[in-house]
C-alpha cells in the first residue's frame, strides 16, 4: 500500500491524468498496432509548453521490464512539475521505485492540497483484476476521516474501475468494489474518483461523487464483449479543482503526428 503523504506545491490546482501507457523496452516496439512510447512522447510534447503536475494511474509498462521504466524516465526526467505514480496490474512496483527515483517522480498515498486532498490508491492484486481488501479499506477510512476533520474535499485516483463499464475488461475490474464504493457513498467530502484500466473515457454520476474513466495514452478499447481496440491518438484527462468544490475536467487528444 502507498501511504506516504506529501504537500501540493504548485501555483494552481490543475493536473493531468495519464494512464495505460504500456511502454515497452524499445521505443518503436508495438502494442496492439500502436507504438506506445511514441504515443506518449507525442502527448507530452503537446502539453509541455504549459506543463502541469501529472498523475500516472498505472500500466505504465507493458512488458514489466527495467528498460520500459528507463524509457519512461527518458521522457519524464526533466518534467518541470511533480509526476505522481501509481502502479497497475501490468506494473512491477519494485522496479518502478528502483528506476523512477528522485524529482520529478513521487510515490505517495495522499496529497494535501489545501482545501483538497487527493488520495492515490493501489488497487493491484495477484491477478489482473483489482482488489481493495480490509487493510486497504481501513487505511482509506482513516484518510477520509482526516480529510473530513480538516474540512477538505477529496478526489481519488486508482487503476482498476470499481463499477462495470459494459465490456470484456469488466472481468478484471475491482473485486472488492461493493465495500469500496460503500466507503465513498458514506463520505460526503468525496467529490470523485478517476481510474485507468478501461482504455476509454467516460464520466458518470454516482450519488454525490463522479466516476471518471480516463482514456489511455496508448490505445482505446471499445466497450464490447471481445477485445476490440481503436487508435484515435494518445489521450489524457485534464482537471481543475476549485476551492468551492467545483471540478472541471475534459479529455484531451494529442494532435496527429506530422507526416514524414
C-alpha atoms as a PDB file:
ATOM      1  CA  UNK A   1       0.000   0.000   0.000  1.00  0.00           C
ATOM      2  CA  UNK A   2       1.100   3.567  -0.697  1.00  0.00           C
ATOM      3  CA  UNK A   3       0.525   5.566   2.496  1.00  0.00           C
ATOM      4  CA  UNK A   4       3.154   8.315   2.348  1.00  0.00           C
ATOM      5  CA  UNK A   5       1.630  11.829   2.343  1.00  0.00           C
ATOM      6  CA  UNK A   6       3.043  14.846   0.519  1.00  0.00           C
ATOM      7  CA  UNK A   7       2.050  18.502   0.180  1.00  0.00           C
ATOM      8  CA  UNK A   8       0.868  20.009  -3.090  1.00  0.00           C
ATOM      9  CA  UNK A   9       3.439  22.541  -4.287  1.00  0.00           C
ATOM     10  CA  UNK A  10       2.144  24.088  -7.496  1.00  0.00           C
ATOM     11  CA  UNK A  11       0.592  27.515  -8.139  1.00  0.00           C
ATOM     12  CA  UNK A  12      -2.744  26.137  -9.322  1.00  0.00           C
ATOM     13  CA  UNK A  13      -4.780  23.017  -8.591  1.00  0.00           C
ATOM     14  CA  UNK A  14      -4.711  21.792 -12.165  1.00  0.00           C
ATOM     15  CA  UNK A  15      -3.315  18.412 -13.122  1.00  0.00           C
ATOM     16  CA  UNK A  16      -3.183  15.965 -15.995  1.00  0.00           C
ATOM     17  CA  UNK A  17      -4.016  12.287 -15.593  1.00  0.00           C
ATOM     18  CA  UNK A  18      -2.214   9.926 -17.951  1.00  0.00           C
ATOM     19  CA  UNK A  19      -2.857   6.209 -17.829  1.00  0.00           C
ATOM     20  CA  UNK A  20      -2.219   2.867 -19.512  1.00  0.00           C
ATOM     21  CA  UNK A  21       0.931   3.924 -21.323  1.00  0.00           C
ATOM     22  CA  UNK A  22       2.010   0.286 -21.915  1.00  0.00           C
ATOM     23  CA  UNK A  23       5.554   1.334 -22.783  1.00  0.00           C
ATOM     24  CA  UNK A  24       7.874  -1.453 -23.913  1.00  0.00           C
ATOM     25  CA  UNK A  25      11.636  -1.842 -23.709  1.00  0.00           C
ATOM     26  CA  UNK A  26      12.196  -0.473 -27.215  1.00  0.00           C
ATOM     27  CA  UNK A  27      10.812   2.932 -28.267  1.00  0.00           C
ATOM     28  CA  UNK A  28       9.460   1.589 -31.561  1.00  0.00           C
ATOM     29  CA  UNK A  29       8.036  -1.650 -30.157  1.00  0.00           C
ATOM     30  CA  UNK A  30       4.371  -2.273 -30.985  1.00  0.00           C
ATOM     31  CA  UNK A  31       1.455  -2.946 -28.636  1.00  0.00           C
ATOM     32  CA  UNK A  32      -1.957  -3.548 -30.228  1.00  0.00           C
ATOM     33  CA  UNK A  33      -0.905  -1.922 -33.516  1.00  0.00           C
ATOM     34  CA  UNK A  34       0.491   1.271 -31.953  1.00  0.00           C
ATOM     35  CA  UNK A  35       3.884   2.343 -30.658  1.00  0.00           C
ATOM     36  CA  UNK A  36       3.106   3.278 -27.030  1.00  0.00           C
ATOM     37  CA  UNK A  37       6.377   5.107 -26.395  1.00  0.00           C
ATOM     38  CA  UNK A  38       5.860   7.307 -29.461  1.00  0.00           C
ATOM     39  CA  UNK A  39       2.248   7.985 -28.481  1.00  0.00           C
ATOM     40  CA  UNK A  40       3.296   9.097 -25.006  1.00  0.00           C
ATOM     41  CA  UNK A  41       6.161  11.126 -26.437  1.00  0.00           C
ATOM     42  CA  UNK A  42       3.708  12.959 -28.677  1.00  0.00           C
ATOM     43  CA  UNK A  43       1.245  13.618 -25.860  1.00  0.00           C
ATOM     44  CA  UNK A  44       3.933  15.006 -23.560  1.00  0.00           C
ATOM     45  CA  UNK A  45       5.356  17.196 -26.314  1.00  0.00           C
ATOM     46  CA  UNK A  46       1.920  18.759 -26.853  1.00  0.00           C
ATOM     47  CA  UNK A  47       1.320  19.614 -23.179  1.00  0.00           C
ATOM     48  CA  UNK A  48       4.914  20.513 -22.271  1.00  0.00           C
ATOM     49  CA  UNK A  49       4.610  24.232 -23.239  1.00  0.00           C
ATOM     50  CA  UNK A  50       2.174  24.617 -20.314  1.00  0.00           C
ATOM     51  CA  UNK A  51       3.326  21.803 -18.024  1.00  0.00           C
ATOM     52  CA  UNK A  52       1.156  20.559 -15.187  1.00  0.00           C
ATOM     53  CA  UNK A  53       1.642  18.014 -12.421  1.00  0.00           C
ATOM     54  CA  UNK A  54       0.972  14.534 -13.773  1.00  0.00           C
ATOM     55  CA  UNK A  55      -0.844  11.648 -12.138  1.00  0.00           C
ATOM     56  CA  UNK A  56       0.072   8.403 -13.894  1.00  0.00           C
ATOM     57  CA  UNK A  57      -2.523   5.795 -12.930  1.00  0.00           C
ATOM     58  CA  UNK A  58      -0.872   2.537 -13.850  1.00  0.00           C
ATOM     59  CA  UNK A  59       0.007   0.092 -16.577  1.00  0.00           C
ATOM     60  CA  UNK A  60       2.948   2.317 -17.328  1.00  0.00           C
ATOM     61  CA  UNK A  61       4.859  -0.726 -18.597  1.00  0.00           C
ATOM     62  CA  UNK A  62       3.592  -3.474 -20.860  1.00  0.00           C
ATOM     63  CA  UNK A  63       6.456  -5.958 -20.501  1.00  0.00           C
ATOM     64  CA  UNK A  64       7.431  -5.447 -16.800  1.00  0.00           C
ATOM     65  CA  UNK A  65      10.993  -4.690 -17.890  1.00  0.00           C
ATOM     66  CA  UNK A  66      13.592  -2.402 -16.349  1.00  0.00           C
ATOM     67  CA  UNK A  67      14.142  -0.980 -19.818  1.00  0.00           C
ATOM     68  CA  UNK A  68      10.484   0.058 -20.158  1.00  0.00           C
ATOM     69  CA  UNK A  69      10.746   2.150 -16.979  1.00  0.00           C
ATOM     70  CA  UNK A  70      14.033   3.572 -18.230  1.00  0.00           C
ATOM     71  CA  UNK A  71      12.183   4.704 -21.374  1.00  0.00           C
ATOM     72  CA  UNK A  72       9.618   6.442 -19.151  1.00  0.00           C
ATOM     73  CA  UNK A  73      12.416   8.087 -17.241  1.00  0.00           C
ATOM     74  CA  UNK A  74      13.871   9.379 -20.527  1.00  0.00           C
ATOM     75  CA  UNK A  75      10.573  11.069 -21.332  1.00  0.00           C
ATOM     76  CA  UNK A  76       9.849  12.490 -17.894  1.00  0.00           C
ATOM     77  CA  UNK A  77      13.167  13.048 -16.080  1.00  0.00           C
ATOM     78  CA  UNK A  78      13.160  16.786 -16.844  1.00  0.00           C
ATOM     79  CA  UNK A  79       9.402  17.328 -16.407  1.00  0.00           C
ATOM     80  CA  UNK A  80       9.113  20.695 -14.609  1.00  0.00           C
ATOM     81  CA  UNK A  81       6.297  19.607 -12.280  1.00  0.00           C
ATOM     82  CA  UNK A  82       5.687  16.656  -9.951  1.00  0.00           C
ATOM     83  CA  UNK A  83       4.899  13.284 -11.531  1.00  0.00           C
ATOM     84  CA  UNK A  84       2.802  11.189  -9.132  1.00  0.00           C
ATOM     85  CA  UNK A  85       2.994   7.457  -9.842  1.00  0.00           C
ATOM     86  CA  UNK A  86       0.539   4.619  -9.264  1.00  0.00           C
ATOM     87  CA  UNK A  87       1.091   1.002 -10.363  1.00  0.00           C
ATOM     88  CA  UNK A  88      -1.333  -1.014 -12.468  1.00  0.00           C
ATOM     89  CA  UNK A  89      -1.703  -4.736 -12.973  1.00  0.00           C
ATOM     90  CA  UNK A  90       0.999  -4.701 -15.679  1.00  0.00           C
ATOM     91  CA  UNK A  91       3.489  -2.904 -13.436  1.00  0.00           C
ATOM     92  CA  UNK A  92       6.230  -4.063 -11.102  1.00  0.00           C
ATOM     93  CA  UNK A  93       6.189  -1.572  -8.223  1.00  0.00           C
ATOM     94  CA  UNK A  94       9.658  -2.563  -7.027  1.00  0.00           C
ATOM     95  CA  UNK A  95      11.121  -1.861 -10.470  1.00  0.00           C
ATOM     96  CA  UNK A  96       9.194   1.411 -10.717  1.00  0.00           C
ATOM     97  CA  UNK A  97      10.653   2.556  -7.402  1.00  0.00           C
ATOM     98  CA  UNK A  98      14.110   1.395  -8.461  1.00  0.00           C
ATOM     99  CA  UNK A  99      14.184   3.254 -11.782  1.00  0.00           C
ATOM    100  CA  UNK A 100      11.843   6.212 -11.307  1.00  0.00           C
ATOM    101  CA  UNK A 101      13.698   7.829  -8.417  1.00  0.00           C
ATOM    102  CA  UNK A 102      14.211  11.467  -7.485  1.00  0.00           C
ATOM    103  CA  UNK A 103      12.464  14.535  -8.834  1.00  0.00           C
ATOM    104  CA  UNK A 104      10.075  14.822 -10.532  1.00  0.00           C
ATOM    105  CA  UNK A 105       8.853  11.338  -9.538  1.00  0.00           C
ATOM    106  CA  UNK A 106       6.688  10.976  -6.420  1.00  0.00           C
ATOM    107  CA  UNK A 107       5.250   7.821  -4.843  1.00  0.00           C
ATOM    108  CA  UNK A 108       2.598   8.879  -2.348  1.00  0.00           C
ATOM    109  CA  UNK A 109      -0.713   7.689  -0.981  1.00  0.00           C
ATOM    110  CA  UNK A 110      -2.150  11.137  -0.464  1.00  0.00           C
ATOM    111  CA  UNK A 111      -1.528  14.737  -1.448  1.00  0.00           C
ATOM    112  CA  UNK A 112      -2.513  17.581   0.880  1.00  0.00           C
ATOM    113  CA  UNK A 113      -3.669  20.333  -1.482  1.00  0.00           C
ATOM    114  CA  UNK A 114      -5.172  22.917   0.849  1.00  0.00           C
ATOM    115  CA  UNK A 115      -8.948  22.726   0.534  1.00  0.00           C
ATOM    116  CA  UNK A 116      -8.498  19.447  -1.347  1.00  0.00           C
ATOM    117  CA  UNK A 117      -6.934  16.099  -0.525  1.00  0.00           C
ATOM    118  CA  UNK A 118      -6.030  13.764  -3.382  1.00  0.00           C
ATOM    119  CA  UNK A 119      -5.859  10.061  -2.489  1.00  0.00           C
ATOM    120  CA  UNK A 120      -3.779   7.730  -4.691  1.00  0.00           C
ATOM    121  CA  UNK A 121      -4.908   4.139  -4.178  1.00  0.00           C
ATOM    122  CA  UNK A 122      -3.040   0.961  -5.067  1.00  0.00           C
ATOM    123  CA  UNK A 123      -5.714  -1.471  -6.317  1.00  0.00           C
ATOM    124  CA  UNK A 124      -3.466  -4.260  -7.576  1.00  0.00           C
ATOM    125  CA  UNK A 125      -3.965  -7.914  -6.664  1.00  0.00           C
ATOM    126  CA  UNK A 126      -2.244 -11.190  -7.512  1.00  0.00           C
ATOM    127  CA  UNK A 127      -4.294 -11.366 -10.721  1.00  0.00           C
ATOM    128  CA  UNK A 128      -5.042  -8.813 -13.463  1.00  0.00           C
ATOM    129  CA  UNK A 129      -8.223  -7.922 -11.567  1.00  0.00           C
ATOM    130  CA  UNK A 130      -8.230  -5.255  -8.889  1.00  0.00           C
ATOM    131  CA  UNK A 131      -8.623  -5.629  -5.139  1.00  0.00           C
ATOM    132  CA  UNK A 132      -9.236  -3.395  -2.151  1.00  0.00           C
ATOM    133  CA  UNK A 133      -9.062  -5.686   0.851  1.00  0.00           C
ATOM    134  CA  UNK A 134      -9.748  -4.992   4.529  1.00  0.00           C
ATOM    135  CA  UNK A 135      -6.358  -3.369   5.345  1.00  0.00           C
ATOM    136  CA  UNK A 136      -6.710  -1.007   2.400  1.00  0.00           C
ATOM    137  CA  UNK A 137     -10.293  -0.232   3.354  1.00  0.00           C
ATOM    138  CA  UNK A 138      -9.139   0.559   6.890  1.00  0.00           C
ATOM    139  CA  UNK A 139      -6.439   2.917   5.608  1.00  0.00           C
ATOM    140  CA  UNK A 140      -8.913   4.649   3.299  1.00  0.00           C
ATOM    141  CA  UNK A 141     -11.346   5.084   6.216  1.00  0.00           C
ATOM    142  CA  UNK A 142      -8.583   6.811   8.174  1.00  0.00           C
ATOM    143  CA  UNK A 143      -7.648   9.020   5.217  1.00  0.00           C
ATOM    144  CA  UNK A 144     -11.254  10.073   4.679  1.00  0.00           C
ATOM    145  CA  UNK A 145     -11.630  10.846   8.382  1.00  0.00           C
ATOM    146  CA  UNK A 146      -8.529  13.081   8.333  1.00  0.00           C
ATOM    147  CA  UNK A 147      -9.852  14.923   5.304  1.00  0.00           C
ATOM    148  CA  UNK A 148     -13.227  15.436   6.970  1.00  0.00           C
ATOM    149  CA  UNK A 149     -11.577  16.736  10.136  1.00  0.00           C
ATOM    150  CA  UNK A 150      -9.504  19.168   8.037  1.00  0.00           C
ATOM    151  CA  UNK A 151     -12.640  20.184   6.092  1.00  0.00           C
ATOM    152  CA  UNK A 152     -11.032  19.068   2.847  1.00  0.00           C
ATOM    153  CA  UNK A 153     -12.776  17.841  -0.256  1.00  0.00           C
ATOM    154  CA  UNK A 154     -11.492  14.548  -1.638  1.00  0.00           C
ATOM    155  CA  UNK A 155     -10.732  13.223  -5.110  1.00  0.00           C
ATOM    156  CA  UNK A 156      -9.346   9.725  -5.527  1.00  0.00           C
ATOM    157  CA  UNK A 157      -7.185   8.152  -8.231  1.00  0.00           C
ATOM    158  CA  UNK A 158      -6.600   4.442  -8.825  1.00  0.00           C
ATOM    159  CA  UNK A 159      -6.016   1.981 -11.644  1.00  0.00           C
ATOM    160  CA  UNK A 160      -8.909  -0.522 -11.604  1.00  0.00           C
ATOM    161  CA  UNK A 161     -12.514   0.510 -12.182  1.00  0.00           C
ATOM    162  CA  UNK A 162     -14.980  -0.176  -9.332  1.00  0.00           C
ATOM    163  CA  UNK A 163     -18.125  -0.262 -11.486  1.00  0.00           C
ATOM    164  CA  UNK A 164     -18.830  -2.259 -14.678  1.00  0.00           C
ATOM    165  CA  UNK A 165     -18.306  -0.393 -17.937  1.00  0.00           C
ATOM    166  CA  UNK A 166     -20.019  -2.964 -20.139  1.00  0.00           C
ATOM    167  CA  UNK A 167     -17.073  -4.633 -21.825  1.00  0.00           C
ATOM    168  CA  UNK A 168     -14.734  -7.574 -21.583  1.00  0.00           C
ATOM    169  CA  UNK A 169     -12.450  -5.555 -19.296  1.00  0.00           C
ATOM    170  CA  UNK A 170     -15.114  -5.949 -16.571  1.00  0.00           C
ATOM    171  CA  UNK A 171     -13.774  -9.432 -15.827  1.00  0.00           C
ATOM    172  CA  UNK A 172     -10.708  -7.626 -14.457  1.00  0.00           C
ATOM    173  CA  UNK A 173     -12.464  -4.853 -12.530  1.00  0.00           C
ATOM    174  CA  UNK A 174     -12.006  -4.241  -8.808  1.00  0.00           C
ATOM    175  CA  UNK A 175     -13.272  -7.321  -6.961  1.00  0.00           C
ATOM    176  CA  UNK A 176     -13.960  -5.569  -3.637  1.00  0.00           C
ATOM    177  CA  UNK A 177     -15.980  -2.866  -5.311  1.00  0.00           C
ATOM    178  CA  UNK A 178     -19.134  -3.083  -3.194  1.00  0.00           C
ATOM    179  CA  UNK A 179     -17.353  -2.379   0.098  1.00  0.00           C
ATOM    180  CA  UNK A 180     -15.098   0.162  -1.586  1.00  0.00           C
ATOM    181  CA  UNK A 181     -17.949   2.161  -3.113  1.00  0.00           C
ATOM    182  CA  UNK A 182     -19.867   1.992   0.171  1.00  0.00           C
ATOM    183  CA  UNK A 183     -16.994   3.900   1.806  1.00  0.00           C
ATOM    184  CA  UNK A 184     -17.228   6.608  -0.850  1.00  0.00           C
ATOM    185  CA  UNK A 185     -21.027   6.791  -0.656  1.00  0.00           C
ATOM    186  CA  UNK A 186     -20.799   7.321   3.101  1.00  0.00           C
ATOM    187  CA  UNK A 187     -18.257  10.156   2.819  1.00  0.00           C
ATOM    188  CA  UNK A 188     -19.860  13.428   1.661  1.00  0.00           C
ATOM    189  CA  UNK A 189     -16.424  15.039   1.292  1.00  0.00           C
ATOM    190  CA  UNK A 190     -15.688  12.690  -1.623  1.00  0.00           C
ATOM    191  CA  UNK A 191     -16.286  14.506  -4.908  1.00  0.00           C
ATOM    192  CA  UNK A 192     -14.986  11.923  -7.329  1.00  0.00           C
ATOM    193  CA  UNK A 193     -12.776   9.026  -8.322  1.00  0.00           C
ATOM    194  CA  UNK A 194     -10.733   8.670 -11.511  1.00  0.00           C
ATOM    195  CA  UNK A 195      -9.305   5.399 -12.796  1.00  0.00           C
ATOM    196  CA  UNK A 196      -7.494   3.904 -15.753  1.00  0.00           C
ATOM    197  CA  UNK A 197      -7.527   0.265 -16.921  1.00  0.00           C
ATOM    198  CA  UNK A 198     -10.590   0.561 -19.213  1.00  0.00           C
ATOM    199  CA  UNK A 199      -8.810   2.377 -22.047  1.00  0.00           C
ATOM    200  CA  UNK A 200     -11.733   4.685 -22.757  1.00  0.00           C
ATOM    201  CA  UNK A 201     -13.063   7.912 -21.346  1.00  0.00           C
ATOM    202  CA  UNK A 202     -16.395   8.430 -19.602  1.00  0.00           C
ATOM    203  CA  UNK A 203     -17.973  10.383 -16.731  1.00  0.00           C
ATOM    204  CA  UNK A 204     -20.817   9.050 -14.568  1.00  0.00           C
ATOM    205  CA  UNK A 205     -22.590  10.464 -11.551  1.00  0.00           C
ATOM    206  CA  UNK A 206     -22.551   8.148  -8.504  1.00  0.00           C
ATOM    207  CA  UNK A 207     -24.642   9.514  -5.629  1.00  0.00           C
ATOM    208  CA  UNK A 208     -22.711  12.672  -4.600  1.00  0.00           C
ATOM    209  CA  UNK A 209     -19.470  11.797  -6.447  1.00  0.00           C
ATOM    210  CA  UNK A 210     -18.335  11.462 -10.036  1.00  0.00           C
ATOM    211  CA  UNK A 211     -16.767   8.327 -11.505  1.00  0.00           C
ATOM    212  CA  UNK A 212     -14.297   9.142 -14.285  1.00  0.00           C
ATOM    213  CA  UNK A 213     -12.644   6.701 -16.646  1.00  0.00           C
ATOM    214  CA  UNK A 214      -9.505   8.224 -18.145  1.00  0.00           C
ATOM    215  CA  UNK A 215      -8.700   7.292 -21.756  1.00  0.00           C
ATOM    216  CA  UNK A 216      -5.334   5.690 -22.420  1.00  0.00           C
ATOM    217  CA  UNK A 217      -2.212   7.262 -23.859  1.00  0.00           C
ATOM    218  CA  UNK A 218      -1.741   4.064 -25.882  1.00  0.00           C
ATOM    219  CA  UNK A 219      -4.854   2.505 -27.438  1.00  0.00           C
ATOM    220  CA  UNK A 220      -8.579   2.781 -26.667  1.00  0.00           C
ATOM    221  CA  UNK A 221     -10.855  -0.237 -26.090  1.00  0.00           C
ATOM    222  CA  UNK A 222     -14.391  -0.389 -27.396  1.00  0.00           C
ATOM    223  CA  UNK A 223     -16.915  -1.461 -24.707  1.00  0.00           C
ATOM    224  CA  UNK A 224     -17.647  -4.862 -26.226  1.00  0.00           C
ATOM    225  CA  UNK A 225     -17.609  -8.494 -25.115  1.00  0.00           C
ATOM    226  CA  UNK A 226     -14.394  -9.063 -27.055  1.00  0.00           C
ATOM    227  CA  UNK A 227     -11.049  -7.254 -27.219  1.00  0.00           C
ATOM    228  CA  UNK A 228     -11.652  -4.566 -29.828  1.00  0.00           C
ATOM    229  CA  UNK A 229      -9.361  -1.549 -29.906  1.00  0.00           C
ATOM    230  CA  UNK A 230      -9.081   1.644 -31.925  1.00  0.00           C
ATOM    231  CA  UNK A 231      -6.219   4.107 -32.324  1.00  0.00           C
ATOM    232  CA  UNK A 232      -7.549   7.653 -32.039  1.00  0.00           C
ATOM    233  CA  UNK A 233      -4.240   9.043 -30.828  1.00  0.00           C
ATOM    234  CA  UNK A 234      -2.807   9.404 -27.331  1.00  0.00           C
ATOM    235  CA  UNK A 235      -5.344  10.715 -24.832  1.00  0.00           C
ATOM    236  CA  UNK A 236      -5.396  12.007 -21.245  1.00  0.00           C
ATOM    237  CA  UNK A 237      -7.676  13.875 -18.833  1.00  0.00           C
ATOM    238  CA  UNK A 238      -7.214  17.459 -17.625  1.00  0.00           C
ATOM    239  CA  UNK A 239      -8.629  18.602 -14.264  1.00  0.00           C
ATOM    240  CA  UNK A 240      -9.084  21.854 -12.355  1.00  0.00           C
ATOM    241  CA  UNK A 241     -10.150  21.764  -8.695  1.00  0.00           C
ATOM    242  CA  UNK A 242     -11.735  24.905  -7.213  1.00  0.00           C
ATOM    243  CA  UNK A 243     -11.945  25.861  -3.547  1.00  0.00           C
ATOM    244  CA  UNK A 244     -15.733  25.857  -3.928  1.00  0.00           C
ATOM    245  CA  UNK A 245     -15.664  22.111  -4.625  1.00  0.00           C
ATOM    246  CA  UNK A 246     -16.328  22.515  -8.332  1.00  0.00           C
ATOM    247  CA  UNK A 247     -14.314  20.251 -10.606  1.00  0.00           C
ATOM    248  CA  UNK A 248     -13.775  20.955 -14.284  1.00  0.00           C
ATOM    249  CA  UNK A 249     -12.401  18.176 -16.455  1.00  0.00           C
ATOM    250  CA  UNK A 250     -12.008  17.347 -20.097  1.00  0.00           C
ATOM    251  CA  UNK A 251     -10.454  14.622 -22.195  1.00  0.00           C
ATOM    252  CA  UNK A 252      -7.655  15.702 -24.495  1.00  0.00           C
ATOM    253  CA  UNK A 253      -6.148  14.061 -27.555  1.00  0.00           C
ATOM    254  CA  UNK A 254      -2.691  14.812 -28.920  1.00  0.00           C
ATOM    255  CA  UNK A 255      -2.565  16.112 -32.459  1.00  0.00           C
ATOM    256  CA  UNK A 256      -1.731  13.665 -35.209  1.00  0.00           C
ATOM    257  CA  UNK A 257       1.933  13.191 -35.911  1.00  0.00           C
ATOM    258  CA  UNK A 258       3.338  15.246 -38.763  1.00  0.00           C
ATOM    259  CA  UNK A 259       3.770  13.034 -41.851  1.00  0.00           C
ATOM    260  CA  UNK A 260       7.396  12.289 -42.679  1.00  0.00           C
END
